[in-house]
């Protein structure tokens, strides 16, 4: 029987622990688990343990940690995705699929052609939603570390953060520079920043600003991809070029 796996929002350090709220409800009322059932618990730092249910009450589950699981499926290179916020629920899709591919940090950003505008309160709410989607995707795909989804930031701030990576790739439809040539000298990089624009693409002035800060402006080919498609294709191709896919 497959042992179900769950992400918990706290560090696993104590031999006994208690679960309440949504996760306890899932265990007791959705999955109908009982005393003696075992689960895998993983915290946000990537520590994973086999645990056994030792007692239950209404929406309250007490477990005992049995042994630490040492397997890891995390990438050796830190991948950060800087994504201009698209319309509708497309960002949900991007967060989910980027998490499945192993991206460690997702930075939503506002560019000049970003249609979506968020108040500070809505930005915080969206960030919380995206963080939950990342946690669920990590749980589903067997990852151990939930990627951090940051609060949306302006493009200029994103540029400054992306410039700290060993290699920074900005994907732009108006260039012919192939990705494999740009990344070839950086196959041993320990961190990679990937930057994808909104539905209307980056403005030339934004691309120039990024180039001056060290970005390598590269192409995904001759076809014009939707932003949600471009983000996932870009991550997948970078992982392939670094030998980290498969």
C-alpha atoms as a PDB file:
ATOM      1  CA  UNK A   1       0.000   0.000   0.000  1.00  0.00           C
ATOM      2  CA  UNK A   2       1.355   3.420  -0.998  1.00  0.00           C
ATOM      3  CA  UNK A   3       2.134   5.713   1.928  1.00  0.00           C
ATOM      4  CA  UNK A   4       0.491   9.115   1.426  1.00  0.00           C
ATOM      5  CA  UNK A   5       2.743  12.151   1.575  1.00  0.00           C
ATOM      6  CA  UNK A   6       1.937  15.577   3.033  1.00  0.00           C
ATOM      7  CA  UNK A   7       3.684  18.939   3.369  1.00  0.00           C
ATOM      8  CA  UNK A   8       3.502  20.539   6.828  1.00  0.00           C
ATOM      9  CA  UNK A   9       4.068  24.285   7.420  1.00  0.00           C
ATOM     10  CA  UNK A  10       6.431  23.820  10.391  1.00  0.00           C
ATOM     11  CA  UNK A  11       9.816  22.260  11.070  1.00  0.00           C
ATOM     12  CA  UNK A  12       9.766  18.566  11.989  1.00  0.00           C
ATOM     13  CA  UNK A  13      11.910  18.378  15.111  1.00  0.00           C
ATOM     14  CA  UNK A  14       9.858  16.677  17.832  1.00  0.00           C
ATOM     15  CA  UNK A  15       9.179  12.963  18.161  1.00  0.00           C
ATOM     16  CA  UNK A  16       5.440  13.589  18.662  1.00  0.00           C
ATOM     17  CA  UNK A  17       3.408  16.232  16.878  1.00  0.00           C
ATOM     18  CA  UNK A  18      -0.206  17.280  16.431  1.00  0.00           C
ATOM     19  CA  UNK A  19      -2.027  18.280  13.265  1.00  0.00           C
ATOM     20  CA  UNK A  20      -5.122  20.445  13.235  1.00  0.00           C
ATOM     21  CA  UNK A  21      -7.184  22.435  10.734  1.00  0.00           C
ATOM     22  CA  UNK A  22      -7.137  21.517   7.028  1.00  0.00           C
ATOM     23  CA  UNK A  23      -4.562  18.731   7.125  1.00  0.00           C
ATOM     24  CA  UNK A  24      -6.224  16.991  10.069  1.00  0.00           C
ATOM     25  CA  UNK A  25      -9.552  17.259   8.248  1.00  0.00           C
ATOM     26  CA  UNK A  26      -8.029  15.664   5.135  1.00  0.00           C
ATOM     27  CA  UNK A  27      -6.567  12.786   7.114  1.00  0.00           C
ATOM     28  CA  UNK A  28      -9.675  12.061   9.155  1.00  0.00           C
ATOM     29  CA  UNK A  29     -12.655  12.977   7.004  1.00  0.00           C
ATOM     30  CA  UNK A  30     -11.391  12.820   3.398  1.00  0.00           C
ATOM     31  CA  UNK A  31      -8.912   9.927   3.527  1.00  0.00           C
ATOM     32  CA  UNK A  32     -10.591   8.225   6.534  1.00  0.00           C
ATOM     33  CA  UNK A  33      -7.271   7.447   8.203  1.00  0.00           C
ATOM     34  CA  UNK A  34      -7.197   5.841  11.625  1.00  0.00           C
ATOM     35  CA  UNK A  35      -4.798   5.071  14.483  1.00  0.00           C
ATOM     36  CA  UNK A  36      -1.980   2.910  13.173  1.00  0.00           C
ATOM     37  CA  UNK A  37      -1.991   4.353   9.640  1.00  0.00           C
ATOM     38  CA  UNK A  38       1.343   5.717   8.435  1.00  0.00           C
ATOM     39  CA  UNK A  39       2.102   8.804   6.366  1.00  0.00           C
ATOM     40  CA  UNK A  40       5.126  10.696   5.062  1.00  0.00           C
ATOM     41  CA  UNK A  41       5.514  14.236   6.385  1.00  0.00           C
ATOM     42  CA  UNK A  42       7.806  16.809   4.788  1.00  0.00           C
ATOM     43  CA  UNK A  43       8.492  20.293   6.146  1.00  0.00           C
ATOM     44  CA  UNK A  44       9.356  23.448   4.214  1.00  0.00           C
ATOM     45  CA  UNK A  45      13.084  22.891   4.789  1.00  0.00           C
ATOM     46  CA  UNK A  46      12.996  19.512   3.001  1.00  0.00           C
ATOM     47  CA  UNK A  47      13.157  17.263   6.071  1.00  0.00           C
ATOM     48  CA  UNK A  48      11.001  14.188   5.483  1.00  0.00           C
ATOM     49  CA  UNK A  49       9.825  11.619   8.047  1.00  0.00           C
ATOM     50  CA  UNK A  50       7.744   8.465   8.166  1.00  0.00           C
ATOM     51  CA  UNK A  51       5.082   9.011  10.853  1.00  0.00           C
ATOM     52  CA  UNK A  52       2.319   6.953  12.451  1.00  0.00           C
ATOM     53  CA  UNK A  53      -1.056   8.156  13.717  1.00  0.00           C
ATOM     54  CA  UNK A  54      -1.232   7.409  17.452  1.00  0.00           C
ATOM     55  CA  UNK A  55      -4.503   9.160  18.438  1.00  0.00           C
ATOM     56  CA  UNK A  56      -7.319  11.171  16.893  1.00  0.00           C
ATOM     57  CA  UNK A  57     -10.115  13.502  17.917  1.00  0.00           C
ATOM     58  CA  UNK A  58     -12.408  15.714  15.857  1.00  0.00           C
ATOM     59  CA  UNK A  59     -10.088  17.653  13.504  1.00  0.00           C
ATOM     60  CA  UNK A  60      -7.086  16.723  15.659  1.00  0.00           C
ATOM     61  CA  UNK A  61      -4.469  14.093  14.831  1.00  0.00           C
ATOM     62  CA  UNK A  62      -1.464  13.173  16.960  1.00  0.00           C
ATOM     63  CA  UNK A  63       1.437  11.405  15.226  1.00  0.00           C
ATOM     64  CA  UNK A  64       4.769   9.891  16.180  1.00  0.00           C
ATOM     65  CA  UNK A  65       7.801  10.385  13.953  1.00  0.00           C
ATOM     66  CA  UNK A  66       9.334   6.969  13.236  1.00  0.00           C
ATOM     67  CA  UNK A  67      12.302   7.485  10.919  1.00  0.00           C
ATOM     68  CA  UNK A  68      13.786  10.097   8.678  1.00  0.00           C
ATOM     69  CA  UNK A  69      13.635   9.536   4.921  1.00  0.00           C
ATOM     70  CA  UNK A  70      16.897  10.404   3.208  1.00  0.00           C
ATOM     71  CA  UNK A  71      15.930  10.308  -0.474  1.00  0.00           C
ATOM     72  CA  UNK A  72      15.954  13.617  -2.352  1.00  0.00           C
ATOM     73  CA  UNK A  73      14.641  14.677  -5.755  1.00  0.00           C
ATOM     74  CA  UNK A  74      15.751  18.298  -5.643  1.00  0.00           C
ATOM     75  CA  UNK A  75      17.812  19.963  -8.366  1.00  0.00           C
ATOM     76  CA  UNK A  76      21.502  20.605  -7.804  1.00  0.00           C
ATOM     77  CA  UNK A  77      21.174  24.073  -9.347  1.00  0.00           C
ATOM     78  CA  UNK A  78      19.028  26.840  -7.847  1.00  0.00           C
ATOM     79  CA  UNK A  79      16.468  27.913 -10.444  1.00  0.00           C
ATOM     80  CA  UNK A  80      14.548  31.166  -9.944  1.00  0.00           C
ATOM     81  CA  UNK A  81      11.651  32.065 -12.232  1.00  0.00           C
ATOM     82  CA  UNK A  82      10.844  35.760 -12.618  1.00  0.00           C
ATOM     83  CA  UNK A  83       7.399  35.858 -14.198  1.00  0.00           C
ATOM     84  CA  UNK A  84       5.379  38.880 -15.256  1.00  0.00           C
ATOM     85  CA  UNK A  85       1.889  38.363 -13.818  1.00  0.00           C
ATOM     86  CA  UNK A  86      -0.522  37.213 -16.550  1.00  0.00           C
ATOM     87  CA  UNK A  87      -4.280  37.694 -16.664  1.00  0.00           C
ATOM     88  CA  UNK A  88      -6.804  35.318 -15.112  1.00  0.00           C
ATOM     89  CA  UNK A  89      -5.616  32.138 -13.447  1.00  0.00           C
ATOM     90  CA  UNK A  90      -2.599  31.592 -15.696  1.00  0.00           C
ATOM     91  CA  UNK A  91      -0.220  32.319 -12.810  1.00  0.00           C
ATOM     92  CA  UNK A  92      -1.752  29.402 -10.901  1.00  0.00           C
ATOM     93  CA  UNK A  93      -0.764  27.111 -13.780  1.00  0.00           C
ATOM     94  CA  UNK A  94       2.750  28.576 -13.985  1.00  0.00           C
ATOM     95  CA  UNK A  95       3.360  28.151 -10.249  1.00  0.00           C
ATOM     96  CA  UNK A  96       2.097  24.576 -10.307  1.00  0.00           C
ATOM     97  CA  UNK A  97       4.127  23.425 -13.315  1.00  0.00           C
ATOM     98  CA  UNK A  98       7.291  25.319 -12.356  1.00  0.00           C
ATOM     99  CA  UNK A  99       7.115  23.636  -8.954  1.00  0.00           C
ATOM    100  CA  UNK A 100       6.779  20.217 -10.578  1.00  0.00           C
ATOM    101  CA  UNK A 101       9.902  20.919 -12.626  1.00  0.00           C
ATOM    102  CA  UNK A 102      11.892  21.828  -9.516  1.00  0.00           C
ATOM    103  CA  UNK A 103      12.064  25.636  -9.542  1.00  0.00           C
ATOM    104  CA  UNK A 104      13.169  26.810  -6.085  1.00  0.00           C
ATOM    105  CA  UNK A 105      11.808  30.360  -6.160  1.00  0.00           C
ATOM    106  CA  UNK A 106       9.059  32.085  -8.128  1.00  0.00           C
ATOM    107  CA  UNK A 107       9.030  35.869  -8.302  1.00  0.00           C
ATOM    108  CA  UNK A 108       5.867  37.468  -9.771  1.00  0.00           C
ATOM    109  CA  UNK A 109       6.645  40.882 -11.227  1.00  0.00           C
ATOM    110  CA  UNK A 110       4.981  43.942 -12.718  1.00  0.00           C
ATOM    111  CA  UNK A 111       6.361  45.029 -16.093  1.00  0.00           C
ATOM    112  CA  UNK A 112       5.257  47.927 -18.292  1.00  0.00           C
ATOM    113  CA  UNK A 113       2.878  45.721 -20.271  1.00  0.00           C
ATOM    114  CA  UNK A 114       1.510  43.819 -17.278  1.00  0.00           C
ATOM    115  CA  UNK A 115      -2.268  44.214 -17.431  1.00  0.00           C
ATOM    116  CA  UNK A 116      -2.937  42.927 -13.906  1.00  0.00           C
ATOM    117  CA  UNK A 117      -2.687  45.577 -11.201  1.00  0.00           C
ATOM    118  CA  UNK A 118      -2.885  44.580  -7.542  1.00  0.00           C
ATOM    119  CA  UNK A 119      -3.280  46.597  -4.371  1.00  0.00           C
ATOM    120  CA  UNK A 120      -0.917  45.628  -1.536  1.00  0.00           C
ATOM    121  CA  UNK A 121      -3.727  43.667   0.119  1.00  0.00           C
ATOM    122  CA  UNK A 122      -4.624  41.781  -3.070  1.00  0.00           C
ATOM    123  CA  UNK A 123      -0.960  41.149  -3.833  1.00  0.00           C
ATOM    124  CA  UNK A 124      -0.524  39.574  -0.405  1.00  0.00           C
ATOM    125  CA  UNK A 125      -3.666  37.472  -0.906  1.00  0.00           C
ATOM    126  CA  UNK A 126      -2.525  36.290  -4.345  1.00  0.00           C
ATOM    127  CA  UNK A 127       0.901  35.426  -2.968  1.00  0.00           C
ATOM    128  CA  UNK A 128      -0.691  33.298  -0.233  1.00  0.00           C
ATOM    129  CA  UNK A 129      -2.811  31.507  -2.858  1.00  0.00           C
ATOM    130  CA  UNK A 130       0.216  30.825  -5.068  1.00  0.00           C
ATOM    131  CA  UNK A 131       2.215  29.572  -2.078  1.00  0.00           C
ATOM    132  CA  UNK A 132      -0.530  27.054  -1.298  1.00  0.00           C
ATOM    133  CA  UNK A 133      -0.523  25.906  -4.927  1.00  0.00           C
ATOM    134  CA  UNK A 134       3.261  25.441  -4.740  1.00  0.00           C
ATOM    135  CA  UNK A 135       2.907  23.385  -1.553  1.00  0.00           C
ATOM    136  CA  UNK A 136       0.225  21.171  -3.106  1.00  0.00           C
ATOM    137  CA  UNK A 137       2.308  20.675  -6.259  1.00  0.00           C
ATOM    138  CA  UNK A 138       5.367  19.764  -4.186  1.00  0.00           C
ATOM    139  CA  UNK A 139       3.306  17.230  -2.294  1.00  0.00           C
ATOM    140  CA  UNK A 140       1.908  15.742  -5.501  1.00  0.00           C
ATOM    141  CA  UNK A 141       5.193  15.438  -7.422  1.00  0.00           C
ATOM    142  CA  UNK A 142       7.295  14.015  -4.597  1.00  0.00           C
ATOM    143  CA  UNK A 143       9.454  17.099  -4.079  1.00  0.00           C
ATOM    144  CA  UNK A 144      10.892  17.838  -0.664  1.00  0.00           C
ATOM    145  CA  UNK A 145      11.315  21.615  -0.662  1.00  0.00           C
ATOM    146  CA  UNK A 146       8.383  23.916  -1.367  1.00  0.00           C
ATOM    147  CA  UNK A 147       9.524  26.779  -3.605  1.00  0.00           C
ATOM    148  CA  UNK A 148       9.156  30.239  -2.154  1.00  0.00           C
ATOM    149  CA  UNK A 149       6.659  32.433  -3.989  1.00  0.00           C
ATOM    150  CA  UNK A 150       7.483  36.048  -3.272  1.00  0.00           C
ATOM    151  CA  UNK A 151       5.157  39.022  -3.058  1.00  0.00           C
ATOM    152  CA  UNK A 152       4.879  40.631  -6.530  1.00  0.00           C
ATOM    153  CA  UNK A 153       7.588  43.224  -7.157  1.00  0.00           C
ATOM    154  CA  UNK A 154       8.294  45.937  -9.781  1.00  0.00           C
ATOM    155  CA  UNK A 155      10.446  45.030 -12.787  1.00  0.00           C
ATOM    156  CA  UNK A 156      13.346  47.207 -11.632  1.00  0.00           C
ATOM    157  CA  UNK A 157      13.500  45.362  -8.309  1.00  0.00           C
ATOM    158  CA  UNK A 158      13.296  42.038 -10.144  1.00  0.00           C
ATOM    159  CA  UNK A 159      16.234  43.090 -12.323  1.00  0.00           C
ATOM    160  CA  UNK A 160      18.368  43.793  -9.263  1.00  0.00           C
ATOM    161  CA  UNK A 161      17.497  40.429  -7.718  1.00  0.00           C
ATOM    162  CA  UNK A 162      18.013  38.448 -10.928  1.00  0.00           C
ATOM    163  CA  UNK A 163      21.437  40.002 -11.482  1.00  0.00           C
ATOM    164  CA  UNK A 164      22.743  38.144  -8.405  1.00  0.00           C
ATOM    165  CA  UNK A 165      22.409  34.751 -10.159  1.00  0.00           C
ATOM    166  CA  UNK A 166      25.395  33.069 -11.827  1.00  0.00           C
ATOM    167  CA  UNK A 167      23.552  33.246 -15.139  1.00  0.00           C
ATOM    168  CA  UNK A 168      20.459  35.282 -15.966  1.00  0.00           C
ATOM    169  CA  UNK A 169      18.374  34.477 -19.034  1.00  0.00           C
ATOM    170  CA  UNK A 170      15.709  36.872 -20.282  1.00  0.00           C
ATOM    171  CA  UNK A 171      13.457  35.338 -22.925  1.00  0.00           C
ATOM    172  CA  UNK A 172      12.494  37.800 -25.670  1.00  0.00           C
ATOM    173  CA  UNK A 173      10.718  37.143 -28.940  1.00  0.00           C
ATOM    174  CA  UNK A 174      12.618  39.850 -30.845  1.00  0.00           C
ATOM    175  CA  UNK A 175      16.055  38.218 -30.615  1.00  0.00           C
ATOM    176  CA  UNK A 176      17.677  35.391 -32.532  1.00  0.00           C
ATOM    177  CA  UNK A 177      20.206  34.440 -29.827  1.00  0.00           C
ATOM    178  CA  UNK A 178      19.793  30.684 -29.206  1.00  0.00           C
ATOM    179  CA  UNK A 179      19.534  29.558 -25.607  1.00  0.00           C
ATOM    180  CA  UNK A 180      22.029  26.709 -25.919  1.00  0.00           C
ATOM    181  CA  UNK A 181      24.783  29.075 -27.064  1.00  0.00           C
ATOM    182  CA  UNK A 182      24.086  31.526 -24.247  1.00  0.00           C
ATOM    183  CA  UNK A 183      24.093  28.891 -21.510  1.00  0.00           C
ATOM    184  CA  UNK A 184      26.956  26.744 -22.838  1.00  0.00           C
ATOM    185  CA  UNK A 185      29.693  28.626 -20.911  1.00  0.00           C
ATOM    186  CA  UNK A 186      27.622  28.359 -17.712  1.00  0.00           C
ATOM    187  CA  UNK A 187      26.915  24.630 -17.518  1.00  0.00           C
ATOM    188  CA  UNK A 188      28.501  24.543 -14.037  1.00  0.00           C
ATOM    189  CA  UNK A 189      26.431  27.436 -12.678  1.00  0.00           C
ATOM    190  CA  UNK A 190      25.011  27.018  -9.184  1.00  0.00           C
ATOM    191  CA  UNK A 191      22.134  29.474  -9.740  1.00  0.00           C
ATOM    192  CA  UNK A 192      20.086  30.444 -12.791  1.00  0.00           C
ATOM    193  CA  UNK A 193      17.531  33.252 -13.114  1.00  0.00           C
ATOM    194  CA  UNK A 194      14.865  32.854 -15.813  1.00  0.00           C
ATOM    195  CA  UNK A 195      12.812  35.918 -16.748  1.00  0.00           C
ATOM    196  CA  UNK A 196       9.595  35.748 -18.787  1.00  0.00           C
ATOM    197  CA  UNK A 197       7.454  38.676 -19.898  1.00  0.00           C
ATOM    198  CA  UNK A 198       3.685  39.298 -19.976  1.00  0.00           C
ATOM    199  CA  UNK A 199       1.172  38.595 -22.743  1.00  0.00           C
ATOM    200  CA  UNK A 200       2.440  41.576 -24.748  1.00  0.00           C
ATOM    201  CA  UNK A 201       6.109  40.833 -24.139  1.00  0.00           C
ATOM    202  CA  UNK A 202       8.805  43.042 -22.653  1.00  0.00           C
ATOM    203  CA  UNK A 203       9.218  46.597 -23.871  1.00  0.00           C
ATOM    204  CA  UNK A 204      12.578  47.242 -25.582  1.00  0.00           C
ATOM    205  CA  UNK A 205      13.569  49.657 -22.809  1.00  0.00           C
ATOM    206  CA  UNK A 206      13.118  46.864 -20.227  1.00  0.00           C
ATOM    207  CA  UNK A 207      15.231  44.485 -22.278  1.00  0.00           C
ATOM    208  CA  UNK A 208      17.954  47.108 -22.562  1.00  0.00           C
ATOM    209  CA  UNK A 209      17.876  47.751 -18.805  1.00  0.00           C
ATOM    210  CA  UNK A 210      18.251  44.037 -18.144  1.00  0.00           C
ATOM    211  CA  UNK A 211      21.132  43.710 -20.653  1.00  0.00           C
ATOM    212  CA  UNK A 212      22.989  46.528 -18.925  1.00  0.00           C
ATOM    213  CA  UNK A 213      22.629  44.642 -15.622  1.00  0.00           C
ATOM    214  CA  UNK A 214      24.028  41.433 -17.103  1.00  0.00           C
ATOM    215  CA  UNK A 215      21.062  39.574 -18.585  1.00  0.00           C
ATOM    216  CA  UNK A 216      21.577  37.281 -21.563  1.00  0.00           C
ATOM    217  CA  UNK A 217      18.676  37.923 -23.927  1.00  0.00           C
ATOM    218  CA  UNK A 218      17.694  34.677 -25.626  1.00  0.00           C
ATOM    219  CA  UNK A 219      15.021  33.189 -27.859  1.00  0.00           C
ATOM    220  CA  UNK A 220      12.629  30.266 -27.507  1.00  0.00           C
ATOM    221  CA  UNK A 221      12.451  29.877 -31.285  1.00  0.00           C
ATOM    222  CA  UNK A 222      10.455  31.398 -34.126  1.00  0.00           C
ATOM    223  CA  UNK A 223       6.993  30.756 -32.693  1.00  0.00           C
ATOM    224  CA  UNK A 224       5.349  33.319 -30.404  1.00  0.00           C
ATOM    225  CA  UNK A 225       4.325  31.426 -27.263  1.00  0.00           C
ATOM    226  CA  UNK A 226       1.724  32.394 -24.685  1.00  0.00           C
ATOM    227  CA  UNK A 227       3.384  33.607 -21.502  1.00  0.00           C
ATOM    228  CA  UNK A 228       2.241  30.570 -19.480  1.00  0.00           C
ATOM    229  CA  UNK A 229       3.618  28.266 -22.185  1.00  0.00           C
ATOM    230  CA  UNK A 230       6.854  30.219 -22.496  1.00  0.00           C
ATOM    231  CA  UNK A 231       7.541  30.030 -18.755  1.00  0.00           C
ATOM    232  CA  UNK A 232       7.323  26.238 -18.590  1.00  0.00           C
ATOM    233  CA  UNK A 233       9.125  25.663 -21.894  1.00  0.00           C
ATOM    234  CA  UNK A 234      11.917  28.011 -20.782  1.00  0.00           C
ATOM    235  CA  UNK A 235      12.405  26.192 -17.479  1.00  0.00           C
ATOM    236  CA  UNK A 236      12.331  22.777 -19.164  1.00  0.00           C
ATOM    237  CA  UNK A 237      14.849  23.754 -21.838  1.00  0.00           C
ATOM    238  CA  UNK A 238      17.217  25.285 -19.287  1.00  0.00           C
ATOM    239  CA  UNK A 239      17.070  22.106 -17.199  1.00  0.00           C
ATOM    240  CA  UNK A 240      17.753  20.053 -20.321  1.00  0.00           C
ATOM    241  CA  UNK A 241      20.743  22.188 -21.290  1.00  0.00           C
ATOM    242  CA  UNK A 242      22.132  21.832 -17.758  1.00  0.00           C
ATOM    243  CA  UNK A 243      21.646  18.055 -17.858  1.00  0.00           C
ATOM    244  CA  UNK A 244      19.071  18.157 -15.054  1.00  0.00           C
ATOM    245  CA  UNK A 245      15.969  16.948 -16.886  1.00  0.00           C
ATOM    246  CA  UNK A 246      15.376  13.227 -16.626  1.00  0.00           C
END
